[in-house]
Amino acid sequence: MINLYSGTGRLPPPSVPLGTYDHLKTKALAPPKVGEDEFDNHVSDAAQYGRAEFWDDRYSTEVEPFEWYYEYSYFSPIIRDLVPLDAKVFIAGCGTSLFPQDMVNDGYQNITAFDISRVAIATQKLRCQDRYPQITWLQGNIVDTDLPEGSFDVIIDKALLDALMCASMGEVSAKLYRIEADRLLKSDGLFIVITFGNPEIRLPLLEQNDLDVEYFTPWKTTVQAVMKPKQYPNEVLDPDDPDSLYFIYCLRKIPELVKAKLVKERKLIIKKNKKVARGTKRSSNL
């Protein structure tokens, strides 16, 4: 596994040799690609991906667990390297995936699994019953969770950002999601995003590096890539072709950057309050 990108504000070269987890032999659970974007194979109107009703309808007709891309075991070497077993983990957009249960089976003890679909969460609760007390199941909107600030050590996203970008107002939703992820993470927290999106199209959504601009992201980003498993024996995958890869974005909050952001935000609030006060004073003198 080779890092493609480390730091902020620059993109990787167009062609970089990639390392892979060649020892992993995992059955592909995602539907085969048929020459179109992966999400386009599942629904004719991808713009509905932002609607809870769409997911409720979908999960109401799907009995078996569904894995976007691949199951936990395919990505577990990366996750085990990055996430301690005692971390408080938030899984964003869990759907009916077995990802949360597989993490518990791998030794993780504090998992919050979150999804927009009440049907998906109800299905997960019914499936698990009392067998996974380490998992808390929550339903809500990822761009506005109402959960306390700094609740989690790690947020893991497998395909949620991609789904948001398929929906109408995708970039707006992605920005709000990024802001909420920053709010939910502790000052040294880690945001892991597993996506088919290459750095040129995903980094602008995940980073805002100007401290003088609102919603600065106080994290350092590294990007890794792993080859997609073959869907059929004769499939040809090219490590220089982004369509042959999954990208794993690791966004680690830096406490010093968090402090700098807070100082800047306080200054902006003071400046705004002074401006309002001056406007109020002028109005009262009229």
C-alpha atoms as a PDB file:
ATOM      1  CA  MET A   1       0.000   0.000   0.000  1.00  0.00           C
ATOM      2  CA  ILE A   2       1.536   3.314  -1.102  1.00  0.00           C
ATOM      3  CA  ASN A   3       0.372   6.777  -0.153  1.00  0.00           C
ATOM      4  CA  LEU A   4      -0.737   8.823  -3.131  1.00  0.00           C
ATOM      5  CA  TYR A   5      -1.049  12.113  -1.280  1.00  0.00           C
ATOM      6  CA  SER A   6       0.050  13.520   2.036  1.00  0.00           C
ATOM      7  CA  GLY A   7      -0.625  16.982   3.391  1.00  0.00           C
ATOM      8  CA  THR A   8      -2.879  19.689   2.058  1.00  0.00           C
ATOM      9  CA  GLY A   9      -3.168  21.869  -0.976  1.00  0.00           C
ATOM     10  CA  ARG A  10      -1.533  19.723  -3.656  1.00  0.00           C
ATOM     11  CA  LEU A  11      -2.551  16.836  -5.865  1.00  0.00           C
ATOM     12  CA  PRO A  12      -0.647  13.622  -6.595  1.00  0.00           C
ATOM     13  CA  PRO A  13       1.102  13.069  -9.922  1.00  0.00           C
ATOM     14  CA  PRO A  14      -1.154  11.639 -12.647  1.00  0.00           C
ATOM     15  CA  SER A  15       0.392   8.167 -12.533  1.00  0.00           C
ATOM     16  CA  VAL A  16       1.754   6.603  -9.341  1.00  0.00           C
ATOM     17  CA  PRO A  17       2.712   2.958  -8.794  1.00  0.00           C
ATOM     18  CA  LEU A  18       0.275   1.423  -6.350  1.00  0.00           C
ATOM     19  CA  GLY A  19       0.589  -1.178  -3.657  1.00  0.00           C
ATOM     20  CA  THR A  20      -2.275  -3.587  -3.033  1.00  0.00           C
ATOM     21  CA  TYR A  21      -3.357  -6.111  -0.480  1.00  0.00           C
ATOM     22  CA  ASP A  22      -2.744  -9.005  -2.858  1.00  0.00           C
ATOM     23  CA  HIS A  23      -3.260 -11.607  -0.137  1.00  0.00           C
ATOM     24  CA  LEU A  24      -6.922 -10.698   0.240  1.00  0.00           C
ATOM     25  CA  LYS A  25      -9.256 -13.072  -1.564  1.00  0.00           C
ATOM     26  CA  THR A  26     -12.708 -11.701  -0.887  1.00  0.00           C
ATOM     27  CA  LYS A  27     -15.931 -12.571  -2.624  1.00  0.00           C
ATOM     28  CA  ALA A  28     -17.264  -9.483  -4.358  1.00  0.00           C
ATOM     29  CA  LEU A  29     -20.541  -8.413  -2.839  1.00  0.00           C
ATOM     30  CA  ALA A  30     -21.031  -5.302  -4.934  1.00  0.00           C
ATOM     31  CA  PRO A  31     -22.970  -5.748  -8.189  1.00  0.00           C
ATOM     32  CA  PRO A  32     -20.740  -6.065 -11.263  1.00  0.00           C
ATOM     33  CA  LYS A  33     -19.811  -2.970 -13.185  1.00  0.00           C
ATOM     34  CA  VAL A  34     -21.299  -2.858 -16.680  1.00  0.00           C
ATOM     35  CA  GLY A  35     -19.462   0.057 -18.199  1.00  0.00           C
ATOM     36  CA  GLU A  36     -21.262   2.775 -16.250  1.00  0.00           C
ATOM     37  CA  ASP A  37     -20.715   4.541 -12.940  1.00  0.00           C
ATOM     38  CA  GLU A  38     -21.168   2.033 -10.163  1.00  0.00           C
ATOM     39  CA  PHE A  39     -24.109   3.775  -8.562  1.00  0.00           C
ATOM     40  CA  ASP A  40     -25.919   4.070 -11.880  1.00  0.00           C
ATOM     41  CA  ASN A  41     -26.361   0.301 -12.027  1.00  0.00           C
ATOM     42  CA  HIS A  42     -28.552   0.259  -8.945  1.00  0.00           C
ATOM     43  CA  VAL A  43     -31.148   2.949  -9.560  1.00  0.00           C
ATOM     44  CA  SER A  44     -32.319   4.833 -12.606  1.00  0.00           C
ATOM     45  CA  ASP A  45     -32.680   8.124 -10.780  1.00  0.00           C
ATOM     46  CA  ALA A  46     -29.546   8.617  -8.682  1.00  0.00           C
ATOM     47  CA  ALA A  47     -30.759  12.081  -7.717  1.00  0.00           C
ATOM     48  CA  GLN A  48     -33.036  10.332  -5.197  1.00  0.00           C
ATOM     49  CA  TYR A  49     -30.046   9.188  -3.143  1.00  0.00           C
ATOM     50  CA  GLY A  50     -30.495  12.139  -0.801  1.00  0.00           C
ATOM     51  CA  ARG A  51     -34.077  11.189   0.070  1.00  0.00           C
ATOM     52  CA  ALA A  52     -34.829   9.044   3.120  1.00  0.00           C
ATOM     53  CA  GLU A  53     -37.963   7.746   1.401  1.00  0.00           C
ATOM     54  CA  PHE A  54     -35.915   6.300  -1.439  1.00  0.00           C
ATOM     55  CA  TRP A  55     -33.752   4.288   0.937  1.00  0.00           C
ATOM     56  CA  ASP A  56     -36.749   3.204   3.022  1.00  0.00           C
ATOM     57  CA  ASP A  57     -38.402   1.844  -0.130  1.00  0.00           C
ATOM     58  CA  ARG A  58     -35.227   0.144  -1.259  1.00  0.00           C
ATOM     59  CA  TYR A  59     -34.423  -1.537   2.040  1.00  0.00           C
ATOM     60  CA  SER A  60     -38.047  -2.606   2.455  1.00  0.00           C
ATOM     61  CA  THR A  61     -37.627  -4.893  -0.561  1.00  0.00           C
ATOM     62  CA  GLU A  62     -34.098  -6.148   0.162  1.00  0.00           C
ATOM     63  CA  VAL A  63     -33.970  -9.036   2.611  1.00  0.00           C
ATOM     64  CA  GLU A  64     -30.244  -9.771   2.557  1.00  0.00           C
ATOM     65  CA  PRO A  65     -27.529  -7.412   3.864  1.00  0.00           C
ATOM     66  CA  PHE A  66     -26.153  -5.178   1.130  1.00  0.00           C
ATOM     67  CA  GLU A  67     -22.521  -4.074   0.901  1.00  0.00           C
ATOM     68  CA  TRP A  68     -21.562  -1.043  -1.128  1.00  0.00           C
ATOM     69  CA  TYR A  69     -18.286  -1.974  -2.807  1.00  0.00           C
ATOM     70  CA  TYR A  70     -16.917  -4.775  -0.615  1.00  0.00           C
ATOM     71  CA  GLU A  71     -17.237  -6.180   2.868  1.00  0.00           C
ATOM     72  CA  TYR A  72     -15.238  -5.197   5.939  1.00  0.00           C
ATOM     73  CA  SER A  73     -12.615  -7.921   5.534  1.00  0.00           C
ATOM     74  CA  TYR A  74     -11.372  -6.340   2.300  1.00  0.00           C
ATOM     75  CA  PHE A  75     -10.581  -3.049   4.027  1.00  0.00           C
ATOM     76  CA  SER A  76      -9.822  -4.384   7.517  1.00  0.00           C
ATOM     77  CA  PRO A  77      -5.985  -4.361   7.185  1.00  0.00           C
ATOM     78  CA  ILE A  78      -6.114  -0.617   6.572  1.00  0.00           C
ATOM     79  CA  ILE A  79      -8.636   0.000   9.341  1.00  0.00           C
ATOM     80  CA  ARG A  80      -6.747  -2.118  11.864  1.00  0.00           C
ATOM     81  CA  ASP A  81      -3.604  -0.107  11.098  1.00  0.00           C
ATOM     82  CA  LEU A  82      -5.398   3.186  11.700  1.00  0.00           C
ATOM     83  CA  VAL A  83      -8.056   2.553  14.345  1.00  0.00           C
ATOM     84  CA  PRO A  84      -7.363   1.256  17.879  1.00  0.00           C
ATOM     85  CA  LEU A  85      -9.753  -1.409  19.161  1.00  0.00           C
ATOM     86  CA  ASP A  86     -10.914   0.837  22.007  1.00  0.00           C
ATOM     87  CA  ALA A  87     -11.754   3.799  19.740  1.00  0.00           C
ATOM     88  CA  LYS A  88     -15.246   5.284  19.690  1.00  0.00           C
ATOM     89  CA  VAL A  89     -16.192   4.644  16.059  1.00  0.00           C
ATOM     90  CA  PHE A  90     -19.013   6.262  14.087  1.00  0.00           C
ATOM     91  CA  ILE A  91     -20.034   4.472  10.875  1.00  0.00           C
ATOM     92  CA  ALA A  92     -21.701   6.978   8.576  1.00  0.00           C
ATOM     93  CA  GLY A  93     -24.342   5.532   6.255  1.00  0.00           C
ATOM     94  CA  CYS A  94     -24.318   1.947   7.507  1.00  0.00           C
ATOM     95  CA  GLY A  95     -27.416   0.862   5.556  1.00  0.00           C
ATOM     96  CA  THR A  96     -27.980  -2.872   5.961  1.00  0.00           C
ATOM     97  CA  SER A  97     -24.271  -3.640   5.672  1.00  0.00           C
ATOM     98  CA  LEU A  98     -22.624  -6.092   8.063  1.00  0.00           C
ATOM     99  CA  PHE A  99     -19.700  -3.675   8.416  1.00  0.00           C
ATOM    100  CA  PRO A 100     -20.568  -2.713  12.055  1.00  0.00           C
ATOM    101  CA  GLN A 101     -21.023  -6.346  13.127  1.00  0.00           C
ATOM    102  CA  ASP A 102     -17.802  -7.363  11.385  1.00  0.00           C
ATOM    103  CA  MET A 103     -15.907  -4.643  13.234  1.00  0.00           C
ATOM    104  CA  VAL A 104     -17.216  -5.973  16.549  1.00  0.00           C
ATOM    105  CA  ASN A 105     -16.255  -9.504  15.513  1.00  0.00           C
ATOM    106  CA  ASP A 106     -12.780  -8.103  14.823  1.00  0.00           C
ATOM    107  CA  GLY A 107     -12.482  -6.782  18.360  1.00  0.00           C
ATOM    108  CA  TYR A 108     -13.942  -3.258  18.289  1.00  0.00           C
ATOM    109  CA  GLN A 109     -16.058  -2.483  21.330  1.00  0.00           C
ATOM    110  CA  ASN A 110     -17.714   0.903  20.796  1.00  0.00           C
ATOM    111  CA  ILE A 111     -19.528   1.349  17.490  1.00  0.00           C
ATOM    112  CA  THR A 112     -22.260   3.832  16.558  1.00  0.00           C
ATOM    113  CA  ALA A 113     -23.914   2.915  13.254  1.00  0.00           C
ATOM    114  CA  PHE A 114     -25.880   5.713  11.614  1.00  0.00           C
ATOM    115  CA  ASP A 115     -28.157   5.865   8.584  1.00  0.00           C
ATOM    116  CA  ILE A 116     -30.825   8.090   7.077  1.00  0.00           C
ATOM    117  CA  SER A 117     -33.203   5.158   6.572  1.00  0.00           C
ATOM    118  CA  ARG A 118     -35.440   4.155   9.484  1.00  0.00           C
ATOM    119  CA  VAL A 119     -36.075   0.857   7.679  1.00  0.00           C
ATOM    120  CA  ALA A 120     -32.358   0.074   7.489  1.00  0.00           C
ATOM    121  CA  ILE A 121     -31.875   0.819  11.190  1.00  0.00           C
ATOM    122  CA  ALA A 122     -34.957  -1.193  12.162  1.00  0.00           C
ATOM    123  CA  THR A 123     -33.681  -4.100  10.050  1.00  0.00           C
ATOM    124  CA  GLN A 124     -30.272  -3.950  11.692  1.00  0.00           C
ATOM    125  CA  LYS A 125     -31.775  -3.888  15.193  1.00  0.00           C
ATOM    126  CA  LEU A 126     -34.008  -6.845  14.388  1.00  0.00           C
ATOM    127  CA  ARG A 127     -31.133  -8.781  12.832  1.00  0.00           C
ATOM    128  CA  CYS A 128     -28.792  -8.189  15.769  1.00  0.00           C
ATOM    129  CA  GLN A 129     -31.265  -8.178  18.656  1.00  0.00           C
ATOM    130  CA  ASP A 130     -29.133  -8.664  21.798  1.00  0.00           C
ATOM    131  CA  ARG A 131     -26.097 -10.193  20.092  1.00  0.00           C
ATOM    132  CA  TYR A 132     -24.167  -6.960  19.520  1.00  0.00           C
ATOM    133  CA  PRO A 133     -24.445  -4.721  22.595  1.00  0.00           C
ATOM    134  CA  GLN A 134     -21.288  -2.942  21.401  1.00  0.00           C
ATOM    135  CA  ILE A 135     -23.297  -1.294  18.593  1.00  0.00           C
ATOM    136  CA  THR A 136     -25.606   1.701  18.991  1.00  0.00           C
ATOM    137  CA  TRP A 137     -27.997   2.098  16.055  1.00  0.00           C
ATOM    138  CA  LEU A 138     -29.118   5.639  15.180  1.00  0.00           C
ATOM    139  CA  GLN A 139     -31.322   7.056  12.439  1.00  0.00           C
ATOM    140  CA  GLY A 140     -30.921  10.610  11.200  1.00  0.00           C
ATOM    141  CA  ASN A 141     -29.511  12.998   8.621  1.00  0.00           C
ATOM    142  CA  ILE A 142     -25.725  12.988   8.382  1.00  0.00           C
ATOM    143  CA  VAL A 143     -25.542  16.701   7.591  1.00  0.00           C
ATOM    144  CA  ASP A 144     -27.280  17.555  10.900  1.00  0.00           C
ATOM    145  CA  THR A 145     -27.032  14.761  13.456  1.00  0.00           C
ATOM    146  CA  ASP A 146     -27.782  16.658  16.698  1.00  0.00           C
ATOM    147  CA  LEU A 147     -25.106  14.529  18.386  1.00  0.00           C
ATOM    148  CA  PRO A 148     -22.732  16.220  20.870  1.00  0.00           C
ATOM    149  CA  GLU A 149     -19.615  17.901  19.539  1.00  0.00           C
ATOM    150  CA  GLY A 150     -16.432  15.837  19.806  1.00  0.00           C
ATOM    151  CA  SER A 151     -18.276  12.559  20.354  1.00  0.00           C
ATOM    152  CA  PHE A 152     -16.040  10.220  18.343  1.00  0.00           C
ATOM    153  CA  ASP A 153     -12.450   9.203  17.799  1.00  0.00           C
ATOM    154  CA  VAL A 154     -13.073   7.909  14.274  1.00  0.00           C
ATOM    155  CA  ILE A 155     -15.688   8.316  11.546  1.00  0.00           C
ATOM    156  CA  ILE A 156     -15.748   5.693   8.791  1.00  0.00           C
ATOM    157  CA  ASP A 157     -17.549   6.334   5.513  1.00  0.00           C
ATOM    158  CA  LYS A 158     -17.824   3.564   2.930  1.00  0.00           C
ATOM    159  CA  ALA A 159     -19.658   4.997  -0.107  1.00  0.00           C
ATOM    160  CA  LEU A 160     -21.760   7.601   1.736  1.00  0.00           C
ATOM    161  CA  LEU A 161     -19.928  10.570   0.231  1.00  0.00           C
ATOM    162  CA  ASP A 162     -20.316   8.960  -3.194  1.00  0.00           C
ATOM    163  CA  ALA A 163     -24.058   8.559  -2.632  1.00  0.00           C
ATOM    164  CA  LEU A 164     -24.393  12.189  -1.545  1.00  0.00           C
ATOM    165  CA  MET A 165     -22.605  13.315  -4.706  1.00  0.00           C
ATOM    166  CA  CYS A 166     -25.073  11.378  -6.844  1.00  0.00           C
ATOM    167  CA  ALA A 167     -27.993  13.235  -5.298  1.00  0.00           C
ATOM    168  CA  SER A 168     -29.334  16.620  -6.279  1.00  0.00           C
ATOM    169  CA  MET A 169     -27.424  19.425  -4.526  1.00  0.00           C
ATOM    170  CA  GLY A 170     -24.599  16.922  -4.070  1.00  0.00           C
ATOM    171  CA  GLU A 171     -21.763  19.401  -3.502  1.00  0.00           C
ATOM    172  CA  VAL A 172     -23.815  21.333  -0.953  1.00  0.00           C
ATOM    173  CA  SER A 173     -24.634  18.128   0.932  1.00  0.00           C
ATOM    174  CA  ALA A 174     -20.992  17.027   0.794  1.00  0.00           C
ATOM    175  CA  LYS A 175     -19.850  20.350   2.276  1.00  0.00           C
ATOM    176  CA  LEU A 176     -22.390  20.143   5.103  1.00  0.00           C
ATOM    177  CA  TYR A 177     -21.343  16.545   5.742  1.00  0.00           C
ATOM    178  CA  ARG A 178     -17.677  17.573   5.951  1.00  0.00           C
ATOM    179  CA  ILE A 179     -18.544  20.309   8.444  1.00  0.00           C
ATOM    180  CA  GLU A 180     -20.570  17.884  10.553  1.00  0.00           C
ATOM    181  CA  ALA A 181     -17.805  15.270  10.494  1.00  0.00           C
ATOM    182  CA  ASP A 182     -15.349  17.876  11.753  1.00  0.00           C
ATOM    183  CA  ARG A 183     -17.777  18.841  14.528  1.00  0.00           C
ATOM    184  CA  LEU A 184     -18.374  15.241  15.632  1.00  0.00           C
ATOM    185  CA  LEU A 185     -14.701  14.294  15.801  1.00  0.00           C
ATOM    186  CA  LYS A 186     -12.472  14.878  18.790  1.00  0.00           C
ATOM    187  CA  SER A 187      -9.564  17.305  18.382  1.00  0.00           C
ATOM    188  CA  ASP A 188      -7.261  14.477  17.249  1.00  0.00           C
ATOM    189  CA  GLY A 189      -9.974  12.445  15.525  1.00  0.00           C
ATOM    190  CA  LEU A 190      -9.729  10.564  12.242  1.00  0.00           C
ATOM    191  CA  PHE A 191     -12.132  10.704   9.295  1.00  0.00           C
ATOM    192  CA  ILE A 192     -11.792   7.703   6.928  1.00  0.00           C
ATOM    193  CA  VAL A 193     -13.560   7.934   3.569  1.00  0.00           C
ATOM    194  CA  ILE A 194     -13.644   4.902   1.249  1.00  0.00           C
ATOM    195  CA  THR A 195     -14.697   5.953  -2.242  1.00  0.00           C
ATOM    196  CA  PHE A 196     -14.278   5.336  -5.944  1.00  0.00           C
ATOM    197  CA  GLY A 197     -13.530   9.063  -6.369  1.00  0.00           C
ATOM    198  CA  ASN A 198      -9.937   9.972  -7.246  1.00  0.00           C
ATOM    199  CA  PRO A 199      -8.114  12.829  -5.461  1.00  0.00           C
ATOM    200  CA  GLU A 200      -8.770  15.370  -8.188  1.00  0.00           C
ATOM    201  CA  ILE A 201     -12.530  15.174  -7.583  1.00  0.00           C
ATOM    202  CA  ARG A 202     -12.669  14.235  -3.885  1.00  0.00           C
ATOM    203  CA  LEU A 203     -10.011  16.409  -2.227  1.00  0.00           C
ATOM    204  CA  PRO A 204     -11.854  19.675  -3.029  1.00  0.00           C
ATOM    205  CA  LEU A 205     -14.853  18.239  -1.170  1.00  0.00           C
ATOM    206  CA  LEU A 206     -12.850  17.072   1.836  1.00  0.00           C
ATOM    207  CA  GLU A 207     -10.446  19.964   2.357  1.00  0.00           C
ATOM    208  CA  GLN A 208     -10.762  23.698   2.895  1.00  0.00           C
ATOM    209  CA  ASN A 209      -7.210  24.827   3.608  1.00  0.00           C
ATOM    210  CA  ASP A 210      -7.584  28.597   3.947  1.00  0.00           C
ATOM    211  CA  LEU A 211      -7.742  29.529   7.636  1.00  0.00           C
ATOM    212  CA  ASP A 212      -9.142  32.947   6.716  1.00  0.00           C
ATOM    213  CA  VAL A 213     -12.155  31.369   5.008  1.00  0.00           C
ATOM    214  CA  GLU A 214     -15.115  29.921   6.865  1.00  0.00           C
ATOM    215  CA  TYR A 215     -15.141  26.184   7.678  1.00  0.00           C
ATOM    216  CA  PHE A 216     -11.409  25.597   7.558  1.00  0.00           C
ATOM    217  CA  THR A 217     -10.663  21.856   7.845  1.00  0.00           C
ATOM    218  CA  PRO A 218      -8.116  21.315  10.648  1.00  0.00           C
ATOM    219  CA  TRP A 219      -6.775  18.017   9.404  1.00  0.00           C
ATOM    220  CA  LYS A 220      -3.890  16.514   7.502  1.00  0.00           C
ATOM    221  CA  THR A 221      -4.900  14.283   4.612  1.00  0.00           C
ATOM    222  CA  THR A 222      -3.272  11.159   3.270  1.00  0.00           C
ATOM    223  CA  VAL A 223      -4.651   9.100   0.415  1.00  0.00           C
ATOM    224  CA  GLN A 224      -4.112   5.429  -0.262  1.00  0.00           C
ATOM    225  CA  ALA A 225      -5.395   3.302  -3.119  1.00  0.00           C
ATOM    226  CA  VAL A 226      -6.212  -0.372  -3.392  1.00  0.00           C
ATOM    227  CA  MET A 227      -7.029  -2.346  -6.496  1.00  0.00           C
ATOM    228  CA  LYS A 228     -10.626  -3.423  -6.835  1.00  0.00           C
ATOM    229  CA  PRO A 229     -11.020  -7.208  -6.747  1.00  0.00           C
ATOM    230  CA  LYS A 230     -11.806  -8.736 -10.104  1.00  0.00           C
ATOM    231  CA  GLN A 231     -15.501  -9.208 -10.769  1.00  0.00           C
ATOM    232  CA  TYR A 232     -14.809 -12.050 -13.214  1.00  0.00           C
ATOM    233  CA  PRO A 233     -11.664 -14.113 -13.995  1.00  0.00           C
ATOM    234  CA  ASN A 234     -10.639 -12.393 -17.232  1.00  0.00           C
ATOM    235  CA  GLU A 235     -11.282  -8.826 -16.096  1.00  0.00           C
ATOM    236  CA  VAL A 236      -8.306  -6.556 -16.736  1.00  0.00           C
ATOM    237  CA  LEU A 237      -7.536  -4.006 -14.026  1.00  0.00           C
ATOM    238  CA  ASP A 238      -4.967  -1.269 -14.571  1.00  0.00           C
ATOM    239  CA  PRO A 239      -3.277   0.312 -11.518  1.00  0.00           C
ATOM    240  CA  ASP A 240      -2.871   3.539 -13.503  1.00  0.00           C
ATOM    241  CA  ASP A 241      -6.605   3.675 -14.233  1.00  0.00           C
ATOM    242  CA  PRO A 242      -8.653   5.318 -11.433  1.00  0.00           C
ATOM    243  CA  ASP A 243     -11.644   3.172 -12.436  1.00  0.00           C
ATOM    244  CA  SER A 244      -9.676   0.124 -11.262  1.00  0.00           C
ATOM    245  CA  LEU A 245      -9.135   1.531  -7.781  1.00  0.00           C
ATOM    246  CA  TYR A 246     -10.796   2.338  -4.510  1.00  0.00           C
ATOM    247  CA  PHE A 247      -9.365   5.359  -2.717  1.00  0.00           C
ATOM    248  CA  ILE A 248      -9.071   5.593   1.051  1.00  0.00           C
ATOM    249  CA  TYR A 249      -8.861   9.154   2.377  1.00  0.00           C
ATOM    250  CA  CYS A 250      -7.482   9.444   5.912  1.00  0.00           C
ATOM    251  CA  LEU A 251      -8.155  12.880   7.369  1.00  0.00           C
ATOM    252  CA  ARG A 252      -6.469  13.247  10.760  1.00  0.00           C
ATOM    253  CA  LYS A 253      -7.369  16.298  12.845  1.00  0.00           C
ATOM    254  CA  ILE A 254      -4.342  18.161  14.178  1.00  0.00           C
ATOM    255  CA  PRO A 255      -4.913  19.717  17.646  1.00  0.00           C
ATOM    256  CA  GLU A 256      -2.774  22.765  16.774  1.00  0.00           C
ATOM    257  CA  LEU A 257      -4.892  23.414  13.685  1.00  0.00           C
ATOM    258  CA  VAL A 258      -8.057  22.927  15.730  1.00  0.00           C
ATOM    259  CA  LYS A 259      -6.851  25.601  18.180  1.00  0.00           C
ATOM    260  CA  ALA A 260      -5.937  27.958  15.352  1.00  0.00           C
ATOM    261  CA  LYS A 261      -9.399  27.481  13.859  1.00  0.00           C
ATOM    262  CA  LEU A 262     -11.103  28.237  17.186  1.00  0.00           C
ATOM    263  CA  VAL A 263      -9.040  31.411  17.648  1.00  0.00           C
ATOM    264  CA  LYS A 264      -9.921  32.561  14.146  1.00  0.00           C
ATOM    265  CA  GLU A 265     -13.609  31.803  14.642  1.00  0.00           C
ATOM    266  CA  ARG A 266     -13.683  33.760  17.906  1.00  0.00           C
ATOM    267  CA  LYS A 267     -12.086  36.748  16.171  1.00  0.00           C
ATOM    268  CA  LEU A 268     -14.684  36.560  13.405  1.00  0.00           C
ATOM    269  CA  ILE A 269     -17.506  36.449  15.981  1.00  0.00           C
ATOM    270  CA  ILE A 270     -16.090  39.480  17.804  1.00  0.00           C
ATOM    271  CA  LYS A 271     -15.769  41.325  14.494  1.00  0.00           C
ATOM    272  CA  LYS A 272     -19.355  40.495  13.526  1.00  0.00           C
ATOM    273  CA  ASN A 273     -20.658  41.529  16.944  1.00  0.00           C
ATOM    274  CA  LYS A 274     -18.870  44.879  16.712  1.00  0.00           C
ATOM    275  CA  LYS A 275     -20.333  45.431  13.257  1.00  0.00           C
ATOM    276  CA  VAL A 276     -23.841  44.663  14.529  1.00  0.00           C
ATOM    277  CA  ALA A 277     -23.310  46.949  17.520  1.00  0.00           C
ATOM    278  CA  ARG A 278     -22.219  49.820  15.277  1.00  0.00           C
ATOM    279  CA  GLY A 279     -25.250  49.293  13.068  1.00  0.00           C
ATOM    280  CA  THR A 280     -27.568  49.269  16.094  1.00  0.00           C
ATOM    281  CA  LYS A 281     -26.003  52.447  17.445  1.00  0.00           C
ATOM    282  CA  ARG A 282     -26.430  54.244  14.130  1.00  0.00           C
ATOM    283  CA  SER A 283     -30.077  53.161  13.973  1.00  0.00           C
ATOM    284  CA  SER A 284     -30.789  54.449  17.467  1.00  0.00           C
ATOM    285  CA  ASN A 285     -29.306  57.844  16.584  1.00  0.00           C
ATOM    286  CA  LEU A 286     -31.659  58.335  13.656  1.00  0.00           C
END
